[in-house]
Each structure stands twice: as structure tokens, then as C-alpha cells.
Amino acid sequence: MAAREPKIVSSRATAEGSASPQGMSRRDAVKWMTLAWIGFAAAVGAGATAMLRFLFPNVLFEPPTVFKAGPPSDYALGVDERWKEKYGVWIVRNTAEIYSLIAVCVHLGCTPNWLAAQNKFKCPCHGSGYYISGINFEGPAPRALERAAISVSPDDGQLIVDKGQKFLFEQGQWTDPKAFVKVG
């Protein structure tokens, strides 16, 4: 029986991709190192993106709570909805006064709708109903709508509505002079 001759591997053959004595060729090593560097670069990129996002916090831009709503003569008897979308209030005028109702249902915070044919505010979420004065009369709403502070500007005679100052019917605050503007 003849002795087995050792296999001679030239350095040229190893450089072209043949197996090294450890089982991995130089070409395979370059492929794995390339994949490792691509993975490392992706991780660094993701980390840098997260860091940049952290530097810019979430900000919610809300409309100002105080705004001018025009002169009182612009409002006819009844409910005016022109400020509902932008500021979330209705301006209501009756024969004696003008007041501002905040357009948020006191049950769970939905926005009620004014139903002129039925002469009431109706919440579409759970069916709470409010008279034109804002007092609740049907549905699960536990209390009346809130009124916002309203006044007439001494400078130009326009109505100024301040949603930051609220008046509650249950606490007798609707009789506060800041809760309405008298009209003659």
C-alpha cells in the first residue's frame, strides 16, 4: 500500500478562492467582513437617526385661547358656528345677551353639532342633547356645556372670546359679568 502524499497548496490557489487549511477562503472572509461593515454602518445610521429625532420633541400647535370675534352687530339671533372649526366655540345671541359656548361635550369630549331644525345641540357620540342655552336635557351628559369668557374690546368694539376662562352653570358662574355681553 502506497503512502499518501501530502497535498501541496500554492499561495496563488489560496488567493483565488480555494479553501485555506482552516476551511475559509480569503474571498469568503472578504464577503463576511463586507457584510459586517454594512451591518455596522446600518446600526450606526439607525442610532444617529434616533438621536436626531430625540433632539426635536413632539409639539402640538393649538390655536390661541383668546381671539377677536368681530363686532356684536355681526351676530344675528341664534347660534353662529363660524368659530366652531377654528377655535371650538359657538357664539350665541338672544334678545338680551351674547355668550360663547365651548364646543366640547361634557360627557366624553366629542364635538356636538348644532341642529337648527330641532333648536338644540346634539352630540354624535352618545346622544347627549343641550338646549340653545347649553343646559343638558337628554343623554348621558352629566352637566351643562361650559361658557367661555366674552367681552367687548374698548379699543375697537369687537367681541373678545377667552377660552382659557370657563364658566360652569352648576356653580352659578353663568351670571358672572364676564360670561356674557349684554345687548340692547
C-alpha atoms as a PDB file:
ATOM      1  CA  MET A   1       0.000   0.000   0.000  1.00  0.00           C
ATOM      2  CA  ALA A   2       1.384   3.290  -1.066  1.00  0.00           C
ATOM      3  CA  ALA A   3       1.739   6.134   1.401  1.00  0.00           C
ATOM      4  CA  ARG A   4      -0.487   9.071   0.921  1.00  0.00           C
ATOM      5  CA  GLU A   5       1.316  12.073  -0.415  1.00  0.00           C
ATOM      6  CA  PRO A   6       0.560  15.418   1.257  1.00  0.00           C
ATOM      7  CA  LYS A   7      -1.406  17.861  -0.811  1.00  0.00           C
ATOM      8  CA  ILE A   8       0.525  20.963  -1.734  1.00  0.00           C
ATOM      9  CA  VAL A   9      -1.473  24.182  -1.792  1.00  0.00           C
ATOM     10  CA  SER A  10       0.113  27.070  -3.531  1.00  0.00           C
ATOM     11  CA  SER A  11      -0.302  30.620  -2.320  1.00  0.00           C
ATOM     12  CA  ARG A  12      -1.758  31.559  -5.714  1.00  0.00           C
ATOM     13  CA  ALA A  13      -4.503  28.951  -5.440  1.00  0.00           C
ATOM     14  CA  THR A  14      -5.417  30.190  -1.941  1.00  0.00           C
ATOM     15  CA  ALA A  15      -5.608  33.778  -3.164  1.00  0.00           C
ATOM     16  CA  GLU A  16      -8.078  32.809  -5.887  1.00  0.00           C
ATOM     17  CA  GLY A  17     -10.633  31.324  -3.523  1.00  0.00           C
ATOM     18  CA  SER A  18      -9.642  27.802  -2.758  1.00  0.00           C
ATOM     19  CA  ALA A  19     -10.093  26.604   0.793  1.00  0.00           C
ATOM     20  CA  SER A  20      -7.499  27.529   3.384  1.00  0.00           C
ATOM     21  CA  PRO A  21      -6.295  24.935   5.841  1.00  0.00           C
ATOM     22  CA  GLN A  22      -8.868  26.323   8.379  1.00  0.00           C
ATOM     23  CA  GLY A  23     -11.839  25.928   5.975  1.00  0.00           C
ATOM     24  CA  MET A  24     -12.451  29.564   4.923  1.00  0.00           C
ATOM     25  CA  SER A  25     -11.062  31.130   1.833  1.00  0.00           C
ATOM     26  CA  ARG A  26      -9.830  34.684   1.624  1.00  0.00           C
ATOM     27  CA  ARG A  27     -12.751  35.529  -0.679  1.00  0.00           C
ATOM     28  CA  ASP A  28     -15.262  34.234   1.891  1.00  0.00           C
ATOM     29  CA  ALA A  29     -13.540  36.247   4.603  1.00  0.00           C
ATOM     30  CA  VAL A  30     -13.801  39.417   2.488  1.00  0.00           C
ATOM     31  CA  LYS A  31     -17.520  38.725   1.903  1.00  0.00           C
ATOM     32  CA  TRP A  32     -18.192  38.289   5.616  1.00  0.00           C
ATOM     33  CA  MET A  33     -16.220  41.375   6.524  1.00  0.00           C
ATOM     34  CA  THR A  34     -18.148  43.390   3.924  1.00  0.00           C
ATOM     35  CA  LEU A  35     -21.446  42.167   5.380  1.00  0.00           C
ATOM     36  CA  ALA A  36     -20.250  43.005   8.885  1.00  0.00           C
ATOM     37  CA  TRP A  37     -19.284  46.542   7.861  1.00  0.00           C
ATOM     38  CA  ILE A  38     -22.638  47.055   6.113  1.00  0.00           C
ATOM     39  CA  GLY A  39     -24.465  45.871   9.252  1.00  0.00           C
ATOM     40  CA  PHE A  40     -22.348  48.132  11.442  1.00  0.00           C
ATOM     41  CA  ALA A  41     -23.000  51.131   9.170  1.00  0.00           C
ATOM     42  CA  ALA A  42     -26.766  50.416   9.223  1.00  0.00           C
ATOM     43  CA  ALA A  43     -26.771  50.224  13.028  1.00  0.00           C
ATOM     44  CA  VAL A  44     -24.821  53.496  13.322  1.00  0.00           C
ATOM     45  CA  GLY A  45     -27.215  55.139  10.829  1.00  0.00           C
ATOM     46  CA  ALA A  46     -30.264  53.970  12.770  1.00  0.00           C
ATOM     47  CA  GLY A  47     -28.761  55.186  16.024  1.00  0.00           C
ATOM     48  CA  ALA A  48     -27.923  58.581  14.543  1.00  0.00           C
ATOM     49  CA  THR A  49     -31.468  58.904  13.161  1.00  0.00           C
ATOM     50  CA  ALA A  50     -32.935  58.071  16.558  1.00  0.00           C
ATOM     51  CA  MET A  51     -30.650  60.611  18.201  1.00  0.00           C
ATOM     52  CA  LEU A  52     -31.683  63.357  15.762  1.00  0.00           C
ATOM     53  CA  ARG A  53     -35.360  62.529  16.317  1.00  0.00           C
ATOM     54  CA  PHE A  54     -34.783  62.807  20.064  1.00  0.00           C
ATOM     55  CA  LEU A  55     -33.440  66.337  19.634  1.00  0.00           C
ATOM     56  CA  PHE A  56     -36.728  67.551  18.084  1.00  0.00           C
ATOM     57  CA  PRO A  57     -39.587  66.877  20.543  1.00  0.00           C
ATOM     58  CA  ASN A  58     -43.216  66.494  19.545  1.00  0.00           C
ATOM     59  CA  VAL A  59     -45.013  69.820  19.635  1.00  0.00           C
ATOM     60  CA  LEU A  60     -48.733  70.324  19.333  1.00  0.00           C
ATOM     61  CA  PHE A  61     -49.664  73.704  17.910  1.00  0.00           C
ATOM     62  CA  GLU A  62     -53.052  74.810  19.173  1.00  0.00           C
ATOM     63  CA  PRO A  63     -54.949  77.948  18.260  1.00  0.00           C
ATOM     64  CA  PRO A  64     -54.728  80.806  20.750  1.00  0.00           C
ATOM     65  CA  THR A  65     -57.298  80.763  23.532  1.00  0.00           C
ATOM     66  CA  VAL A  66     -58.075  84.463  23.160  1.00  0.00           C
ATOM     67  CA  PHE A  67     -59.338  85.810  19.864  1.00  0.00           C
ATOM     68  CA  LYS A  68     -61.397  88.646  18.425  1.00  0.00           C
ATOM     69  CA  ALA A  69     -64.732  87.570  17.010  1.00  0.00           C
ATOM     70  CA  GLY A  70     -65.873  90.742  15.273  1.00  0.00           C
ATOM     71  CA  PRO A  71     -68.387  93.359  16.350  1.00  0.00           C
ATOM     72  CA  PRO A  72     -71.562  92.276  18.177  1.00  0.00           C
ATOM     73  CA  SER A  73     -73.658  93.681  15.337  1.00  0.00           C
ATOM     74  CA  ASP A  74     -72.341  90.866  13.083  1.00  0.00           C
ATOM     75  CA  TYR A  75     -74.319  88.296  15.049  1.00  0.00           C
ATOM     76  CA  ALA A  76     -77.974  87.633  14.365  1.00  0.00           C
ATOM     77  CA  LEU A  77     -80.294  85.947  16.850  1.00  0.00           C
ATOM     78  CA  GLY A  78     -79.412  82.285  17.283  1.00  0.00           C
ATOM     79  CA  VAL A  79     -76.263  80.199  17.075  1.00  0.00           C
ATOM     80  CA  ASP A  80     -73.306  81.308  14.978  1.00  0.00           C
ATOM     81  CA  GLU A  81     -70.971  78.473  14.005  1.00  0.00           C
ATOM     82  CA  ARG A  82     -68.222  80.391  12.203  1.00  0.00           C
ATOM     83  CA  TRP A  83     -65.711  79.852  15.066  1.00  0.00           C
ATOM     84  CA  LYS A  84     -66.510  76.199  15.743  1.00  0.00           C
ATOM     85  CA  GLU A  85     -63.842  74.716  13.454  1.00  0.00           C
ATOM     86  CA  LYS A  86     -61.004  77.109  14.212  1.00  0.00           C
ATOM     87  CA  TYR A  87     -61.484  77.867  17.915  1.00  0.00           C
ATOM     88  CA  GLY A  88     -64.068  75.325  19.089  1.00  0.00           C
ATOM     89  CA  VAL A  89     -66.755  77.769  20.243  1.00  0.00           C
ATOM     90  CA  TRP A  90     -70.221  78.868  19.237  1.00  0.00           C
ATOM     91  CA  ILE A  91     -71.340  82.459  19.653  1.00  0.00           C
ATOM     92  CA  VAL A  92     -74.982  82.563  20.703  1.00  0.00           C
ATOM     93  CA  ARG A  93     -77.101  85.678  20.640  1.00  0.00           C
ATOM     94  CA  ASN A  94     -80.549  86.064  22.163  1.00  0.00           C
ATOM     95  CA  THR A  95     -82.605  89.179  22.777  1.00  0.00           C
ATOM     96  CA  ALA A  96     -80.743  90.091  25.969  1.00  0.00           C
ATOM     97  CA  GLU A  97     -77.141  88.858  25.653  1.00  0.00           C
ATOM     98  CA  ILE A  98     -74.344  87.293  23.645  1.00  0.00           C
ATOM     99  CA  TYR A  99     -72.412  84.377  25.114  1.00  0.00           C
ATOM    100  CA  SER A 100     -69.844  81.869  23.931  1.00  0.00           C
ATOM    101  CA  LEU A 101     -70.340  78.118  24.400  1.00  0.00           C
ATOM    102  CA  ILE A 102     -67.350  75.806  24.247  1.00  0.00           C
ATOM    103  CA  ALA A 103     -67.997  73.134  21.601  1.00  0.00           C
ATOM    104  CA  VAL A 104     -66.961  70.143  23.696  1.00  0.00           C
ATOM    105  CA  CYS A 105     -69.468  67.657  25.083  1.00  0.00           C
ATOM    106  CA  VAL A 106     -69.018  67.339  28.841  1.00  0.00           C
ATOM    107  CA  HIS A 107     -69.663  63.584  28.676  1.00  0.00           C
ATOM    108  CA  LEU A 108     -66.552  62.318  26.829  1.00  0.00           C
ATOM    109  CA  GLY A 109     -65.247  65.313  24.918  1.00  0.00           C
ATOM    110  CA  CYS A 110     -66.795  64.884  21.462  1.00  0.00           C
ATOM    111  CA  THR A 111     -67.839  67.904  19.426  1.00  0.00           C
ATOM    112  CA  PRO A 112     -71.627  68.338  19.371  1.00  0.00           C
ATOM    113  CA  ASN A 113     -73.473  69.641  16.331  1.00  0.00           C
ATOM    114  CA  TRP A 114     -75.958  72.463  16.212  1.00  0.00           C
ATOM    115  CA  LEU A 115     -79.282  71.206  14.831  1.00  0.00           C
ATOM    116  CA  ALA A 116     -81.152  74.364  13.847  1.00  0.00           C
ATOM    117  CA  ALA A 117     -84.325  72.498  12.863  1.00  0.00           C
ATOM    118  CA  GLN A 118     -84.551  70.949  16.335  1.00  0.00           C
ATOM    119  CA  ASN A 119     -83.139  74.040  18.075  1.00  0.00           C
ATOM    120  CA  LYS A 120     -80.606  72.057  20.098  1.00  0.00           C
ATOM    121  CA  PHE A 121     -77.009  70.874  20.258  1.00  0.00           C
ATOM    122  CA  LYS A 122     -76.651  67.144  19.774  1.00  0.00           C
ATOM    123  CA  CYS A 123     -73.535  65.104  20.496  1.00  0.00           C
ATOM    124  CA  PRO A 124     -72.988  62.489  17.748  1.00  0.00           C
ATOM    125  CA  CYS A 125     -71.023  60.139  20.021  1.00  0.00           C
ATOM    126  CA  HIS A 126     -73.527  59.159  22.703  1.00  0.00           C
ATOM    127  CA  GLY A 127     -76.585  61.301  22.020  1.00  0.00           C
ATOM    128  CA  SER A 128     -76.320  63.978  24.674  1.00  0.00           C
ATOM    129  CA  GLY A 129     -78.599  66.912  23.943  1.00  0.00           C
ATOM    130  CA  TYR A 130     -78.307  70.525  25.034  1.00  0.00           C
ATOM    131  CA  TYR A 131     -80.682  73.455  24.766  1.00  0.00           C
ATOM    132  CA  ILE A 132     -79.513  76.590  22.983  1.00  0.00           C
ATOM    133  CA  SER A 133     -78.519  77.933  26.394  1.00  0.00           C
ATOM    134  CA  GLY A 134     -76.120  74.992  26.822  1.00  0.00           C
ATOM    135  CA  ILE A 135     -78.093  73.208  29.540  1.00  0.00           C
ATOM    136  CA  ASN A 136     -78.222  69.425  29.103  1.00  0.00           C
ATOM    137  CA  PHE A 137     -81.613  67.719  28.851  1.00  0.00           C
ATOM    138  CA  GLU A 138     -81.027  64.279  27.311  1.00  0.00           C
ATOM    139  CA  GLY A 139     -78.374  61.610  27.064  1.00  0.00           C
ATOM    140  CA  PRO A 140     -75.502  60.761  29.386  1.00  0.00           C
ATOM    141  CA  ALA A 141     -74.044  64.284  29.725  1.00  0.00           C
ATOM    142  CA  PRO A 142     -73.769  64.951  33.471  1.00  0.00           C
ATOM    143  CA  ARG A 143     -73.930  68.732  33.254  1.00  0.00           C
ATOM    144  CA  ALA A 144     -74.348  71.754  31.002  1.00  0.00           C
ATOM    145  CA  LEU A 145     -71.860  72.935  28.384  1.00  0.00           C
ATOM    146  CA  GLU A 146     -69.190  75.351  29.550  1.00  0.00           C
ATOM    147  CA  ARG A 147     -69.170  79.005  28.619  1.00  0.00           C
ATOM    148  CA  ALA A 148     -66.049  80.939  27.694  1.00  0.00           C
ATOM    149  CA  ALA A 149     -65.325  84.457  28.870  1.00  0.00           C
ATOM    150  CA  ILE A 150     -66.550  87.085  26.442  1.00  0.00           C
ATOM    151  CA  SER A 151     -66.224  90.849  26.459  1.00  0.00           C
ATOM    152  CA  VAL A 152     -66.224  93.867  24.176  1.00  0.00           C
ATOM    153  CA  SER A 153     -62.852  95.408  23.392  1.00  0.00           C
ATOM    154  CA  PRO A 154     -62.696  99.078  24.428  1.00  0.00           C
ATOM    155  CA  ASP A 155     -60.320  99.745  21.514  1.00  0.00           C
ATOM    156  CA  ASP A 156     -62.340  98.692  18.505  1.00  0.00           C
ATOM    157  CA  GLY A 157     -65.666  97.405  19.868  1.00  0.00           C
ATOM    158  CA  GLN A 158     -65.079  93.798  18.786  1.00  0.00           C
ATOM    159  CA  LEU A 159     -66.048  90.773  20.840  1.00  0.00           C
ATOM    160  CA  ILE A 160     -63.116  89.130  22.618  1.00  0.00           C
ATOM    161  CA  VAL A 161     -63.540  85.456  23.477  1.00  0.00           C
ATOM    162  CA  ASP A 162     -61.220  83.853  26.040  1.00  0.00           C
ATOM    163  CA  LYS A 163     -61.459  80.063  26.115  1.00  0.00           C
ATOM    164  CA  GLY A 164     -58.926  79.919  28.932  1.00  0.00           C
ATOM    165  CA  GLN A 165     -61.529  81.260  31.344  1.00  0.00           C
ATOM    166  CA  LYS A 166     -64.539  78.943  31.694  1.00  0.00           C
ATOM    167  CA  PHE A 167     -67.826  79.366  33.490  1.00  0.00           C
ATOM    168  CA  LEU A 168     -69.919  76.468  34.818  1.00  0.00           C
ATOM    169  CA  PHE A 169     -73.694  76.559  35.150  1.00  0.00           C
ATOM    170  CA  GLU A 170     -73.681  74.209  38.175  1.00  0.00           C
ATOM    171  CA  GLN A 171     -71.536  76.616  40.143  1.00  0.00           C
ATOM    172  CA  GLY A 172     -73.698  79.616  39.282  1.00  0.00           C
ATOM    173  CA  GLN A 173     -70.949  81.172  37.180  1.00  0.00           C
ATOM    174  CA  TRP A 174     -73.105  81.934  34.145  1.00  0.00           C
ATOM    175  CA  THR A 175     -74.339  85.074  35.890  1.00  0.00           C
ATOM    176  CA  ASP A 176     -70.778  86.377  36.127  1.00  0.00           C
ATOM    177  CA  PRO A 177     -70.488  89.578  34.022  1.00  0.00           C
ATOM    178  CA  LYS A 178     -67.528  88.036  32.146  1.00  0.00           C
ATOM    179  CA  ALA A 179     -69.689  85.110  30.935  1.00  0.00           C
ATOM    180  CA  PHE A 180     -71.868  87.214  28.620  1.00  0.00           C
ATOM    181  CA  VAL A 181     -72.203  90.573  26.890  1.00  0.00           C
ATOM    182  CA  LYS A 182     -75.462  92.491  27.256  1.00  0.00           C
ATOM    183  CA  VAL A 183     -77.078  93.716  24.067  1.00  0.00           C
ATOM    184  CA  GLY A 184     -79.745  96.321  23.873  1.00  0.00           C
END
